[in-house]
PDB file of all heavy atoms in Angstrom:
ATOM      1  N   LYS A   1       0.384  -7.672 -10.891  1.00  0.00           N
ATOM      2  CA  LYS A   1       0.852  -6.278 -10.812  1.00  0.00           C
ATOM      3  C   LYS A   1      -0.065  -5.407  -9.946  1.00  0.00           C
ATOM      4  O   LYS A   1       0.411  -4.629  -9.114  1.00  0.00           O
ATOM      5  CB  LYS A   1       1.028  -5.683 -12.211  1.00  0.00           C
ATOM      6  CG  LYS A   1      -0.193  -5.722 -13.103  1.00  0.00           C
ATOM      7  CD  LYS A   1       0.132  -5.353 -14.537  1.00  0.00           C
ATOM      8  CE  LYS A   1      -1.120  -5.282 -15.398  1.00  0.00           C
ATOM      9  NZ  LYS A   1      -1.823  -6.572 -15.519  1.00  0.00           N
ATOM     10  N   SER A   2      -1.387  -5.518 -10.129  1.00  0.00           N
ATOM     11  CA  SER A   2      -2.317  -4.712  -9.321  1.00  0.00           C
ATOM     12  C   SER A   2      -2.309  -5.169  -7.868  1.00  0.00           C
ATOM     13  O   SER A   2      -2.431  -4.357  -6.945  1.00  0.00           O
ATOM     14  CB  SER A   2      -3.744  -4.791  -9.883  1.00  0.00           C
ATOM     15  OG  SER A   2      -3.832  -4.063 -11.091  1.00  0.00           O
ATOM     16  N   THR A   3      -2.144  -6.470  -7.643  1.00  0.00           N
ATOM     17  CA  THR A   3      -2.050  -6.995  -6.267  1.00  0.00           C
ATOM     18  C   THR A   3      -0.836  -6.400  -5.572  1.00  0.00           C
ATOM     19  O   THR A   3      -0.898  -5.997  -4.410  1.00  0.00           O
ATOM     20  CB  THR A   3      -1.953  -8.535  -6.283  1.00  0.00           C
ATOM     21  OG1 THR A   3      -3.101  -9.067  -6.946  1.00  0.00           O
ATOM     22  CG2 THR A   3      -1.881  -9.103  -4.885  1.00  0.00           C
ATOM     23  N   THR A   4       0.288  -6.317  -6.295  1.00  0.00           N
ATOM     24  CA  THR A   4       1.502  -5.715  -5.731  1.00  0.00           C
ATOM     25  C   THR A   4       1.260  -4.256  -5.370  1.00  0.00           C
ATOM     26  O   THR A   4       1.635  -3.796  -4.282  1.00  0.00           O
ATOM     27  CB  THR A   4       2.670  -5.823  -6.740  1.00  0.00           C
ATOM     28  OG1 THR A   4       2.874  -7.192  -7.067  1.00  0.00           O
ATOM     29  CG2 THR A   4       3.947  -5.238  -6.164  1.00  0.00           C
ATOM     30  N   LEU A   5       0.603  -3.515  -6.265  1.00  0.00           N
ATOM     31  CA  LEU A   5       0.313  -2.104  -6.007  1.00  0.00           C
ATOM     32  C   LEU A   5      -0.589  -1.955  -4.792  1.00  0.00           C
ATOM     33  O   LEU A   5      -0.392  -1.066  -3.954  1.00  0.00           O
ATOM     34  CB  LEU A   5      -0.356  -1.481  -7.242  1.00  0.00           C
ATOM     35  CG  LEU A   5      -0.395   0.046  -7.258  1.00  0.00           C
ATOM     36  CD1 LEU A   5       0.979   0.599  -7.629  1.00  0.00           C
ATOM     37  CD2 LEU A   5      -1.428   0.562  -8.250  1.00  0.00           C
ATOM     38  N   ARG A   6      -1.583  -2.829  -4.665  1.00  0.00           N
ATOM     39  CA  ARG A   6      -2.523  -2.760  -3.529  1.00  0.00           C
ATOM     40  C   ARG A   6      -1.826  -3.119  -2.210  1.00  0.00           C
ATOM     41  O   ARG A   6      -2.194  -2.598  -1.160  1.00  0.00           O
ATOM     42  CB  ARG A   6      -3.715  -3.672  -3.790  1.00  0.00           C
ATOM     43  CG  ARG A   6      -4.627  -3.136  -4.912  1.00  0.00           C
ATOM     44  CD  ARG A   6      -5.713  -4.125  -5.289  1.00  0.00           C
ATOM     45  NE  ARG A   6      -6.643  -4.336  -4.190  1.00  0.00           N
ATOM     46  CZ  ARG A   6      -7.677  -3.549  -3.907  1.00  0.00           C
ATOM     47  NH1 ARG A   6      -7.919  -2.480  -4.649  1.00  0.00           N
ATOM     48  NH2 ARG A   6      -8.470  -3.806  -2.883  1.00  0.00           N
ATOM     49  N   MET A   7      -0.811  -3.967  -2.276  1.00  0.00           N
ATOM     50  CA  MET A   7      -0.034  -4.250  -1.057  1.00  0.00           C
ATOM     51  C   MET A   7       0.763  -3.012  -0.641  1.00  0.00           C
ATOM     52  O   MET A   7       0.879  -2.706   0.547  1.00  0.00           O
ATOM     53  CB  MET A   7       0.888  -5.449  -1.274  1.00  0.00           C
ATOM     54  CG  MET A   7       0.175  -6.783  -1.273  1.00  0.00           C
ATOM     55  SD  MET A   7       1.288  -8.216  -1.180  1.00  0.00           S
ATOM     56  CE  MET A   7       1.975  -8.259  -2.829  1.00  0.00           C
ATOM     57  N   ILE A   8       1.314  -2.302  -1.634  1.00  0.00           N
ATOM     58  CA  ILE A   8       2.042  -1.064  -1.325  1.00  0.00           C
ATOM     59  C   ILE A   8       1.098  -0.038  -0.719  1.00  0.00           C
ATOM     60  O   ILE A   8       1.447   0.677   0.234  1.00  0.00           O
ATOM     61  CB  ILE A   8       2.722  -0.509  -2.597  1.00  0.00           C
ATOM     62  CG1 ILE A   8       3.807  -1.472  -3.092  1.00  0.00           C
ATOM     63  CG2 ILE A   8       3.322   0.876  -2.341  1.00  0.00           C
ATOM     64  CD1 ILE A   8       4.361  -1.146  -4.468  1.00  0.00           C
ATOM     65  N   ALA A   9      -0.128   0.021  -1.248  1.00  0.00           N
ATOM     66  CA  ALA A   9      -1.121   0.984  -0.750  1.00  0.00           C
ATOM     67  C   ALA A   9      -1.673   0.601   0.615  1.00  0.00           C
ATOM     68  O   ALA A   9      -2.244   1.446   1.324  1.00  0.00           O
ATOM     69  CB  ALA A   9      -2.270   1.093  -1.753  1.00  0.00           C
ATOM     70  N   GLY A  10      -1.544  -0.683   0.989  1.00  0.00           N
ATOM     71  CA  GLY A  10      -2.121  -1.138   2.257  1.00  0.00           C
ATOM     72  C   GLY A  10      -3.526  -1.682   2.102  1.00  0.00           C
ATOM     73  O   GLY A  10      -4.196  -1.989   3.090  1.00  0.00           O
ATOM     74  N   LEU A  11      -3.990  -1.809   0.859  1.00  0.00           N
ATOM     75  CA  LEU A  11      -5.337  -2.333   0.608  1.00  0.00           C
ATOM     76  C   LEU A  11      -5.350  -3.860   0.579  1.00  0.00           C
ATOM     77  O   LEU A  11      -6.418  -4.471   0.640  1.00  0.00           O
ATOM     78  CB  LEU A  11      -5.872  -1.785  -0.726  1.00  0.00           C
ATOM     79  CG  LEU A  11      -5.920  -0.257  -0.842  1.00  0.00           C
ATOM     80  CD1 LEU A  11      -6.370   0.157  -2.241  1.00  0.00           C
ATOM     81  CD2 LEU A  11      -6.835   0.338   0.208  1.00  0.00           C
ATOM     82  N   GLU A  12      -4.172  -4.473   0.453  1.00  0.00           N
ATOM     83  CA  GLU A  12      -4.026  -5.924   0.551  1.00  0.00           C
ATOM     84  C   GLU A  12      -2.955  -6.202   1.601  1.00  0.00           C
ATOM     85  O   GLU A  12      -1.933  -5.514   1.654  1.00  0.00           O
ATOM     86  CB  GLU A  12      -3.568  -6.529  -0.789  1.00  0.00           C
ATOM     87  CG  GLU A  12      -4.568  -6.449  -1.912  1.00  0.00           C
ATOM     88  CD  GLU A  12      -5.556  -7.601  -1.903  1.00  0.00           C
ATOM     89  OE1 GLU A  12      -5.486  -8.442  -0.982  1.00  0.00           O
ATOM     90  OE2 GLU A  12      -6.401  -7.639  -2.813  1.00  0.00           O
ATOM     91  N   GLU A  13      -3.191  -7.220   2.403  1.00  0.00           N
ATOM     92  CA  GLU A  13      -2.213  -7.595   3.424  1.00  0.00           C
ATOM     93  C   GLU A  13      -1.028  -8.313   2.779  1.00  0.00           C
ATOM     94  O   GLU A  13      -1.204  -9.104   1.845  1.00  0.00           O
ATOM     95  CB  GLU A  13      -2.893  -8.525   4.440  1.00  0.00           C
ATOM     96  CG  GLU A  13      -2.037  -8.847   5.639  1.00  0.00           C
ATOM     97  CD  GLU A  13      -2.747  -9.780   6.610  1.00  0.00           C
ATOM     98  OE1 GLU A  13      -3.992  -9.853   6.580  1.00  0.00           O
ATOM     99  OE2 GLU A  13      -2.044 -10.459   7.373  1.00  0.00           O
ATOM    100  N   ILE A  14       0.175  -8.011   3.244  1.00  0.00           N
ATOM    101  CA  ILE A  14       1.379  -8.700   2.769  1.00  0.00           C
ATOM    102  C   ILE A  14       1.496 -10.021   3.529  1.00  0.00           C
ATOM    103  O   ILE A  14       1.561 -10.036   4.755  1.00  0.00           O
ATOM    104  CB  ILE A  14       2.632  -7.832   2.987  1.00  0.00           C
ATOM    105  CG1 ILE A  14       2.553  -6.563   2.130  1.00  0.00           C
ATOM    106  CG2 ILE A  14       3.903  -8.606   2.674  1.00  0.00           C
ATOM    107  CD1 ILE A  14       3.639  -5.552   2.417  1.00  0.00           C
ATOM    108  N   THR A  15       1.509 -11.139   2.787  1.00  0.00           N
ATOM    109  CA  THR A  15       1.569 -12.461   3.432  1.00  0.00           C
ATOM    110  C   THR A  15       2.948 -12.721   3.999  1.00  0.00           C
ATOM    111  O   THR A  15       3.097 -13.176   5.134  1.00  0.00           O
ATOM    112  CB  THR A  15       1.204 -13.573   2.423  1.00  0.00           C
ATOM    113  OG1 THR A  15      -0.019 -13.243   1.776  1.00  0.00           O
ATOM    114  CG2 THR A  15       1.050 -14.913   3.124  1.00  0.00           C
ATOM    115  N   GLU A  16       3.971 -12.460   3.195  1.00  0.00           N
ATOM    116  CA  GLU A  16       5.367 -12.631   3.625  1.00  0.00           C
ATOM    117  C   GLU A  16       6.199 -11.502   3.047  1.00  0.00           C
ATOM    118  O   GLU A  16       5.837 -10.926   2.025  1.00  0.00           O
ATOM    119  CB  GLU A  16       5.938 -13.968   3.131  1.00  0.00           C
ATOM    120  CG  GLU A  16       5.278 -15.196   3.723  1.00  0.00           C
ATOM    121  CD  GLU A  16       5.825 -16.488   3.116  1.00  0.00           C
ATOM    122  OE1 GLU A  16       6.939 -16.455   2.542  1.00  0.00           O
ATOM    123  OE2 GLU A  16       5.121 -17.517   3.198  1.00  0.00           O
ATOM    124  N   GLY A  17       7.333 -11.208   3.697  1.00  0.00           N
ATOM    125  CA  GLY A  17       8.238 -10.178   3.190  1.00  0.00           C
ATOM    126  C   GLY A  17       8.058  -8.848   3.898  1.00  0.00           C
ATOM    127  O   GLY A  17       7.261  -8.702   4.824  1.00  0.00           O
ATOM    128  N   GLU A  18       8.820  -7.854   3.437  1.00  0.00           N
ATOM    129  CA  GLU A  18       8.839  -6.542   4.082  1.00  0.00           C
ATOM    130  C   GLU A  18       8.697  -5.427   3.057  1.00  0.00           C
ATOM    131  O   GLU A  18       9.265  -5.505   1.965  1.00  0.00           O
ATOM    132  CB  GLU A  18      10.164  -6.351   4.847  1.00  0.00           C
ATOM    133  CG  GLU A  18      10.365  -7.350   5.975  1.00  0.00           C
ATOM    134  CD  GLU A  18      11.756  -7.239   6.588  1.00  0.00           C
ATOM    135  OE1 GLU A  18      12.677  -6.746   5.903  1.00  0.00           O
ATOM    136  OE2 GLU A  18      11.924  -7.643   7.752  1.00  0.00           O
ATOM    137  N   LEU A  19       7.946  -4.402   3.436  1.00  0.00           N
ATOM    138  CA  LEU A  19       7.781  -3.212   2.600  1.00  0.00           C
ATOM    139  C   LEU A  19       8.230  -1.994   3.397  1.00  0.00           C
ATOM    140  O   LEU A  19       7.728  -1.742   4.500  1.00  0.00           O
ATOM    141  CB  LEU A  19       6.304  -3.059   2.194  1.00  0.00           C
ATOM    142  CG  LEU A  19       5.923  -1.724   1.539  1.00  0.00           C
ATOM    143  CD1 LEU A  19       6.636  -1.541   0.202  1.00  0.00           C
ATOM    144  CD2 LEU A  19       4.412  -1.617   1.352  1.00  0.00           C
ATOM    145  N   TYR A  20       9.181  -1.255   2.829  1.00  0.00           N
ATOM    146  CA  TYR A  20       9.671  -0.032   3.467  1.00  0.00           C
ATOM    147  C   TYR A  20       9.327   1.163   2.596  1.00  0.00           C
ATOM    148  O   TYR A  20       9.539   1.137   1.376  1.00  0.00           O
ATOM    149  CB  TYR A  20      11.198  -0.081   3.643  1.00  0.00           C
ATOM    150  CG  TYR A  20      11.688  -1.100   4.633  1.00  0.00           C
ATOM    151  CD1 TYR A  20      11.923  -2.412   4.241  1.00  0.00           C
ATOM    152  CD2 TYR A  20      11.925  -0.750   5.959  1.00  0.00           C
ATOM    153  CE1 TYR A  20      12.380  -3.358   5.138  1.00  0.00           C
ATOM    154  CE2 TYR A  20      12.387  -1.686   6.874  1.00  0.00           C
ATOM    155  CZ  TYR A  20      12.609  -2.998   6.457  1.00  0.00           C
ATOM    156  OH  TYR A  20      13.058  -3.930   7.361  1.00  0.00           O
ATOM    157  N   ILE A  21       8.797   2.219   3.217  1.00  0.00           N
ATOM    158  CA  ILE A  21       8.664   3.517   2.555  1.00  0.00           C
ATOM    159  C   ILE A  21       9.649   4.434   3.264  1.00  0.00           C
ATOM    160  O   ILE A  21       9.486   4.724   4.450  1.00  0.00           O
ATOM    161  CB  ILE A  21       7.227   4.066   2.632  1.00  0.00           C
ATOM    162  CG1 ILE A  21       6.266   3.129   1.890  1.00  0.00           C
ATOM    163  CG2 ILE A  21       7.163   5.472   2.022  1.00  0.00           C
ATOM    164  CD1 ILE A  21       4.810   3.552   1.914  1.00  0.00           C
ATOM    165  N   GLY A  22      10.683   4.849   2.541  1.00  0.00           N
ATOM    166  CA  GLY A  22      11.814   5.503   3.202  1.00  0.00           C
ATOM    167  C   GLY A  22      12.503   4.454   4.065  1.00  0.00           C
ATOM    168  O   GLY A  22      12.784   3.348   3.623  1.00  0.00           O
ATOM    169  N   ASP A  23      12.742   4.776   5.323  1.00  0.00           N
ATOM    170  CA  ASP A  23      13.374   3.829   6.253  1.00  0.00           C
ATOM    171  C   ASP A  23      12.347   3.148   7.145  1.00  0.00           C
ATOM    172  O   ASP A  23      12.714   2.409   8.061  1.00  0.00           O
ATOM    173  CB  ASP A  23      14.404   4.562   7.135  1.00  0.00           C
ATOM    174  CG  ASP A  23      15.540   5.144   6.306  1.00  0.00           C
ATOM    175  OD1 ASP A  23      15.909   4.490   5.305  1.00  0.00           O
ATOM    176  OD2 ASP A  23      16.032   6.234   6.636  1.00  0.00           O
ATOM    177  N   ARG A  24      11.053   3.411   6.896  1.00  0.00           N
ATOM    178  CA  ARG A  24      10.013   2.920   7.806  1.00  0.00           C
ATOM    179  C   ARG A  24       9.371   1.635   7.282  1.00  0.00           C
ATOM    180  O   ARG A  24       8.909   1.584   6.142  1.00  0.00           O
ATOM    181  CB  ARG A  24       8.941   4.010   7.972  1.00  0.00           C
ATOM    182  CG  ARG A  24       7.844   3.651   8.978  1.00  0.00           C
ATOM    183  CD  ARG A  24       6.975   4.849   9.305  1.00  0.00           C
ATOM    184  NE  ARG A  24       6.187   5.277   8.179  1.00  0.00           N
ATOM    185  CZ  ARG A  24       4.895   5.609   8.244  1.00  0.00           C
ATOM    186  NH1 ARG A  24       4.251   5.569   9.403  1.00  0.00           N
ATOM    187  NH2 ARG A  24       4.245   6.020   7.182  1.00  0.00           N
ATOM    188  N   LEU A  25       9.362   0.586   8.111  1.00  0.00           N
ATOM    189  CA  LEU A  25       8.669  -0.651   7.775  1.00  0.00           C
ATOM    190  C   LEU A  25       7.170  -0.397   7.915  1.00  0.00           C
ATOM    191  O   LEU A  25       6.700   0.016   8.977  1.00  0.00           O
ATOM    192  CB  LEU A  25       9.103  -1.770   8.725  1.00  0.00           C
ATOM    193  CG  LEU A  25       8.465  -3.142   8.499  1.00  0.00           C
ATOM    194  CD1 LEU A  25       8.885  -3.738   7.168  1.00  0.00           C
ATOM    195  CD2 LEU A  25       8.823  -4.096   9.639  1.00  0.00           C
ATOM    196  N   VAL A  26       6.417  -0.628   6.822  1.00  0.00           N
ATOM    197  CA  VAL A  26       4.993  -0.243   6.835  1.00  0.00           C
ATOM    198  C   VAL A  26       4.046  -1.428   6.661  1.00  0.00           C
ATOM    199  O   VAL A  26       2.858  -1.230   6.405  1.00  0.00           O
ATOM    200  CB  VAL A  26       4.701   0.824   5.743  1.00  0.00           C
ATOM    201  CG1 VAL A  26       5.451   2.109   6.018  1.00  0.00           C
ATOM    202  CG2 VAL A  26       5.010   0.290   4.347  1.00  0.00           C
ATOM    203  N   ASN A  27       4.541  -2.648   6.831  1.00  0.00           N
ATOM    204  CA  ASN A  27       3.673  -3.823   6.661  1.00  0.00           C
ATOM    205  C   ASN A  27       2.358  -3.702   7.428  1.00  0.00           C
ATOM    206  O   ASN A  27       1.294  -4.055   6.915  1.00  0.00           O
ATOM    207  CB  ASN A  27       4.395  -5.094   7.139  1.00  0.00           C
ATOM    208  CG  ASN A  27       5.434  -5.571   6.152  1.00  0.00           C
ATOM    209  OD1 ASN A  27       6.208  -4.776   5.633  1.00  0.00           O
ATOM    210  ND2 ASN A  27       5.467  -6.869   5.889  1.00  0.00           N
ATOM    211  N   ASP A  28       2.446  -3.224   8.661  1.00  0.00           N
ATOM    212  CA  ASP A  28       1.252  -3.163   9.525  1.00  0.00           C
ATOM    213  C   ASP A  28       0.725  -1.740   9.706  1.00  0.00           C
ATOM    214  O   ASP A  28      -0.092  -1.488  10.604  1.00  0.00           O
ATOM    215  CB  ASP A  28       1.568  -3.788  10.895  1.00  0.00           C
ATOM    216  CG  ASP A  28       1.994  -5.243  10.766  1.00  0.00           C
ATOM    217  OD1 ASP A  28       1.354  -5.966   9.972  1.00  0.00           O
ATOM    218  OD2 ASP A  28       2.962  -5.648  11.435  1.00  0.00           O
ATOM    219  N   VAL A  29       1.207  -0.814   8.867  1.00  0.00           N
ATOM    220  CA  VAL A  29       0.738   0.584   8.955  1.00  0.00           C
ATOM    221  C   VAL A  29      -0.540   0.731   8.122  1.00  0.00           C
ATOM    222  O   VAL A  29      -0.623   0.236   7.003  1.00  0.00           O
ATOM    223  CB  VAL A  29       1.833   1.550   8.450  1.00  0.00           C
ATOM    224  CG1 VAL A  29       1.319   2.989   8.400  1.00  0.00           C
ATOM    225  CG2 VAL A  29       3.075   1.454   9.330  1.00  0.00           C
ATOM    226  N   ALA A  30      -1.540   1.394   8.675  1.00  0.00           N
ATOM    227  CA  ALA A  30      -2.814   1.586   7.969  1.00  0.00           C
ATOM    228  C   ALA A  30      -2.611   2.409   6.707  1.00  0.00           C
ATOM    229  O   ALA A  30      -1.713   3.268   6.657  1.00  0.00           O
ATOM    230  CB  ALA A  30      -3.812   2.288   8.891  1.00  0.00           C
ATOM    231  N   PRO A  31      -3.435   2.185   5.669  1.00  0.00           N
ATOM    232  CA  PRO A  31      -3.275   2.933   4.409  1.00  0.00           C
ATOM    233  C   PRO A  31      -3.224   4.438   4.599  1.00  0.00           C
ATOM    234  O   PRO A  31      -2.407   5.116   3.974  1.00  0.00           O
ATOM    235  CB  PRO A  31      -4.514   2.515   3.602  1.00  0.00           C
ATOM    236  CG  PRO A  31      -4.866   1.162   4.116  1.00  0.00           C
ATOM    237  CD  PRO A  31      -4.509   1.181   5.572  1.00  0.00           C
ATOM    238  N   LYS A  32      -4.062   4.970   5.481  1.00  0.00           N
ATOM    239  CA  LYS A  32      -4.136   6.428   5.674  1.00  0.00           C
ATOM    240  C   LYS A  32      -2.864   7.000   6.297  1.00  0.00           C
ATOM    241  O   LYS A  32      -2.605   8.199   6.201  1.00  0.00           O
ATOM    242  CB  LYS A  32      -5.353   6.799   6.541  1.00  0.00           C
ATOM    243  CG  LYS A  32      -5.297   6.304   7.966  1.00  0.00           C
ATOM    244  CD  LYS A  32      -6.565   6.655   8.722  1.00  0.00           C
ATOM    245  CE  LYS A  32      -6.553   6.127  10.141  1.00  0.00           C
ATOM    246  NZ  LYS A  32      -5.527   6.731  10.984  1.00  0.00           N
ATOM    247  N   ASP A  33      -2.064   6.137   6.922  1.00  0.00           N
ATOM    248  CA  ASP A  33      -0.842   6.602   7.586  1.00  0.00           C
ATOM    249  C   ASP A  33       0.423   6.325   6.775  1.00  0.00           C
ATOM    250  O   ASP A  33       1.531   6.530   7.263  1.00  0.00           O
ATOM    251  CB  ASP A  33      -0.715   5.948   8.970  1.00  0.00           C
ATOM    252  CG  ASP A  33      -1.884   6.308   9.885  1.00  0.00           C
ATOM    253  OD1 ASP A  33      -2.336   7.471   9.826  1.00  0.00           O
ATOM    254  OD2 ASP A  33      -2.356   5.418  10.630  1.00  0.00           O
ATOM    255  N   ARG A  34       0.260   5.851   5.535  1.00  0.00           N
ATOM    256  CA  ARG A  34       1.436   5.532   4.710  1.00  0.00           C
ATOM    257  C   ARG A  34       1.909   6.716   3.878  1.00  0.00           C
ATOM    258  O   ARG A  34       2.937   6.633   3.213  1.00  0.00           O
ATOM    259  CB  ARG A  34       1.126   4.342   3.786  1.00  0.00           C
ATOM    260  CG  ARG A  34       0.895   3.057   4.541  1.00  0.00           C
ATOM    261  CD  ARG A  34       0.877   1.847   3.636  1.00  0.00           C
ATOM    262  NE  ARG A  34       0.613   0.649   4.417  1.00  0.00           N
ATOM    263  CZ  ARG A  34       0.775  -0.586   3.987  1.00  0.00           C
ATOM    264  NH1 ARG A  34       1.200  -0.796   2.744  1.00  0.00           N
ATOM    265  NH2 ARG A  34       0.514  -1.624   4.764  1.00  0.00           N
ATOM    266  N   ASP A  35       1.135   7.788   3.856  1.00  0.00           N
ATOM    267  CA  ASP A  35       1.452   8.984   3.079  1.00  0.00           C
ATOM    268  C   ASP A  35       1.610   8.650   1.590  1.00  0.00           C
ATOM    269  O   ASP A  35       2.592   9.019   0.942  1.00  0.00           O
ATOM    270  CB  ASP A  35       2.721   9.667   3.616  1.00  0.00           C
ATOM    271  CG  ASP A  35       2.824  11.120   3.126  1.00  0.00           C
ATOM    272  OD1 ASP A  35       1.818  11.623   2.581  1.00  0.00           O
ATOM    273  OD2 ASP A  35       3.898  11.725   3.273  1.00  0.00           O
ATOM    274  N   ILE A  36       0.625   7.904   1.092  1.00  0.00           N
ATOM    275  CA  ILE A  36       0.577   7.587  -0.334  1.00  0.00           C
ATOM    276  C   ILE A  36      -0.765   8.068  -0.879  1.00  0.00           C
ATOM    277  O   ILE A  36      -1.718   8.283  -0.133  1.00  0.00           O
ATOM    278  CB  ILE A  36       0.756   6.069  -0.606  1.00  0.00           C
ATOM    279  CG1 ILE A  36      -0.245   5.244   0.217  1.00  0.00           C
ATOM    280  CG2 ILE A  36       2.160   5.618  -0.281  1.00  0.00           C
ATOM    281  CD1 ILE A  36      -1.469   4.857  -0.488  1.00  0.00           C
ATOM    282  N   ALA A  37      -0.839   8.262  -2.187  1.00  0.00           N
ATOM    283  CA  ALA A  37      -2.107   8.600  -2.838  1.00  0.00           C
ATOM    284  C   ALA A  37      -2.277   7.670  -4.024  1.00  0.00           C
ATOM    285  O   ALA A  37      -1.310   7.351  -4.712  1.00  0.00           O
ATOM    286  CB  ALA A  37      -2.110  10.056  -3.299  1.00  0.00           C
ATOM    287  N   MET A  38      -3.509   7.230  -4.255  1.00  0.00           N
ATOM    288  CA  MET A  38      -3.749   6.240  -5.308  1.00  0.00           C
ATOM    289  C   MET A  38      -4.815   6.728  -6.269  1.00  0.00           C
ATOM    290  O   MET A  38      -5.841   7.274  -5.861  1.00  0.00           O
ATOM    291  CB  MET A  38      -4.171   4.911  -4.674  1.00  0.00           C
ATOM    292  CG  MET A  38      -4.248   3.752  -5.654  1.00  0.00           C
ATOM    293  SD  MET A  38      -4.181   2.171  -4.772  1.00  0.00           S
ATOM    294  CE  MET A  38      -4.404   1.012  -6.113  1.00  0.00           C
ATOM    295  N   VAL A  39      -4.558   6.524  -7.553  1.00  0.00           N
ATOM    296  CA  VAL A  39      -5.535   6.832  -8.602  1.00  0.00           C
ATOM    297  C   VAL A  39      -6.018   5.503  -9.165  1.00  0.00           C
ATOM    298  O   VAL A  39      -5.218   4.699  -9.651  1.00  0.00           O
ATOM    299  CB  VAL A  39      -4.909   7.693  -9.719  1.00  0.00           C
ATOM    300  CG1 VAL A  39      -5.924   7.955 -10.823  1.00  0.00           C
ATOM    301  CG2 VAL A  39      -4.383   9.008  -9.155  1.00  0.00           C
ATOM    302  N   PHE A  40      -7.341   5.285  -9.102  1.00  0.00           N
ATOM    303  CA  PHE A  40      -7.909   4.002  -9.506  1.00  0.00           C
ATOM    304  C   PHE A  40      -8.338   4.013 -10.971  1.00  0.00           C
ATOM    305  O   PHE A  40      -8.565   5.059 -11.570  1.00  0.00           O
ATOM    306  CB  PHE A  40      -9.118   3.663  -8.624  1.00  0.00           C
ATOM    307  CG  PHE A  40      -8.774   3.429  -7.178  1.00  0.00           C
ATOM    308  CD1 PHE A  40      -8.804   4.480  -6.267  1.00  0.00           C
ATOM    309  CD2 PHE A  40      -8.423   2.171  -6.727  1.00  0.00           C
ATOM    310  CE1 PHE A  40      -8.476   4.280  -4.936  1.00  0.00           C
ATOM    311  CE2 PHE A  40      -8.095   1.960  -5.400  1.00  0.00           C
ATOM    312  CZ  PHE A  40      -8.125   3.014  -4.499  1.00  0.00           C
ATOM    313  N   GLN A  41      -8.513   2.803 -11.496  1.00  0.00           N
ATOM    314  CA  GLN A  41      -8.931   2.614 -12.885  1.00  0.00           C
ATOM    315  C   GLN A  41     -10.303   3.235 -13.156  1.00  0.00           C
ATOM    316  O   GLN A  41     -10.551   3.796 -14.210  1.00  0.00           O
ATOM    317  CB  GLN A  41      -8.964   1.105 -13.176  1.00  0.00           C
ATOM    318  CG  GLN A  41      -9.336   0.751 -14.594  1.00  0.00           C
ATOM    319  CD  GLN A  41      -9.290  -0.750 -14.821  1.00  0.00           C
ATOM    320  OE1 GLN A  41      -8.800  -1.504 -13.988  1.00  0.00           O
ATOM    321  NE2 GLN A  41      -9.809  -1.190 -15.936  1.00  0.00           N
ATOM    322  N   ASN A  42     -11.206   3.136 -12.176  1.00  0.00           N
ATOM    323  CA  ASN A  42     -12.582   3.618 -12.389  1.00  0.00           C
ATOM    324  C   ASN A  42     -12.818   5.013 -11.788  1.00  0.00           C
ATOM    325  O   ASN A  42     -13.962   5.406 -11.564  1.00  0.00           O
ATOM    326  CB  ASN A  42     -13.589   2.619 -11.811  1.00  0.00           C
ATOM    327  CG  ASN A  42     -13.418   2.449 -10.307  1.00  0.00           C
ATOM    328  OD1 ASN A  42     -12.496   3.031  -9.726  1.00  0.00           O
ATOM    329  ND2 ASN A  42     -14.270   1.674  -9.679  1.00  0.00           N
ATOM    330  N   TYR A  43     -11.719   5.723 -11.493  1.00  0.00           N
ATOM    331  CA  TYR A  43     -11.724   7.113 -11.001  1.00  0.00           C
ATOM    332  C   TYR A  43     -12.177   7.232  -9.551  1.00  0.00           C
ATOM    333  O   TYR A  43     -11.625   8.002  -8.793  1.00  0.00           O
ATOM    334  CB  TYR A  43     -12.573   8.053 -11.880  1.00  0.00           C
ATOM    335  CG  TYR A  43     -12.433   7.825 -13.359  1.00  0.00           C
ATOM    336  CD1 TYR A  43     -13.541   7.769 -14.189  1.00  0.00           C
ATOM    337  CD2 TYR A  43     -11.187   7.642 -13.943  1.00  0.00           C
ATOM    338  CE1 TYR A  43     -13.418   7.548 -15.558  1.00  0.00           C
ATOM    339  CE2 TYR A  43     -11.041   7.413 -15.300  1.00  0.00           C
ATOM    340  CZ  TYR A  43     -12.163   7.362 -16.114  1.00  0.00           C
ATOM    341  OH  TYR A  43     -12.026   7.136 -17.437  1.00  0.00           O
ATOM    342  N   ALA A  44     -13.249   6.492  -9.136  1.00  0.00           N
ATOM    343  CA  ALA A  44     -13.729   6.479  -7.746  1.00  0.00           C
ATOM    344  C   ALA A  44     -14.035   7.880  -7.215  1.00  0.00           C
ATOM    345  O   ALA A  44     -13.658   8.232  -6.100  1.00  0.00           O
ATOM    346  CB  ALA A  44     -12.699   5.775  -6.853  1.00  0.00           C
ATOM    347  N   LEU A  45     -14.731   8.678  -8.021  1.00  0.00           N
ATOM    348  CA  LEU A  45     -15.133  10.018  -7.592  1.00  0.00           C
ATOM    349  C   LEU A  45     -16.483   9.949  -6.874  1.00  0.00           C
ATOM    350  O   LEU A  45     -17.303   9.072  -7.148  1.00  0.00           O
ATOM    351  CB  LEU A  45     -15.242  10.959  -8.796  1.00  0.00           C
ATOM    352  CG  LEU A  45     -13.966  11.141  -9.632  1.00  0.00           C
ATOM    353  CD1 LEU A  45     -14.255  12.008 -10.847  1.00  0.00           C
ATOM    354  CD2 LEU A  45     -12.859  11.754  -8.792  1.00  0.00           C
TER     355      LEU A  45
END
């Protein structure tokens, strides 16, 4: 489950398959350009 979330965030590379945010394929889009925000287990402040 966390691996899946990290693939959505761009923190893990997707080995196979496609991820779309809206209509945009984001497999190779950098995390900072995906327009997502992530809250981590350890807060990371």
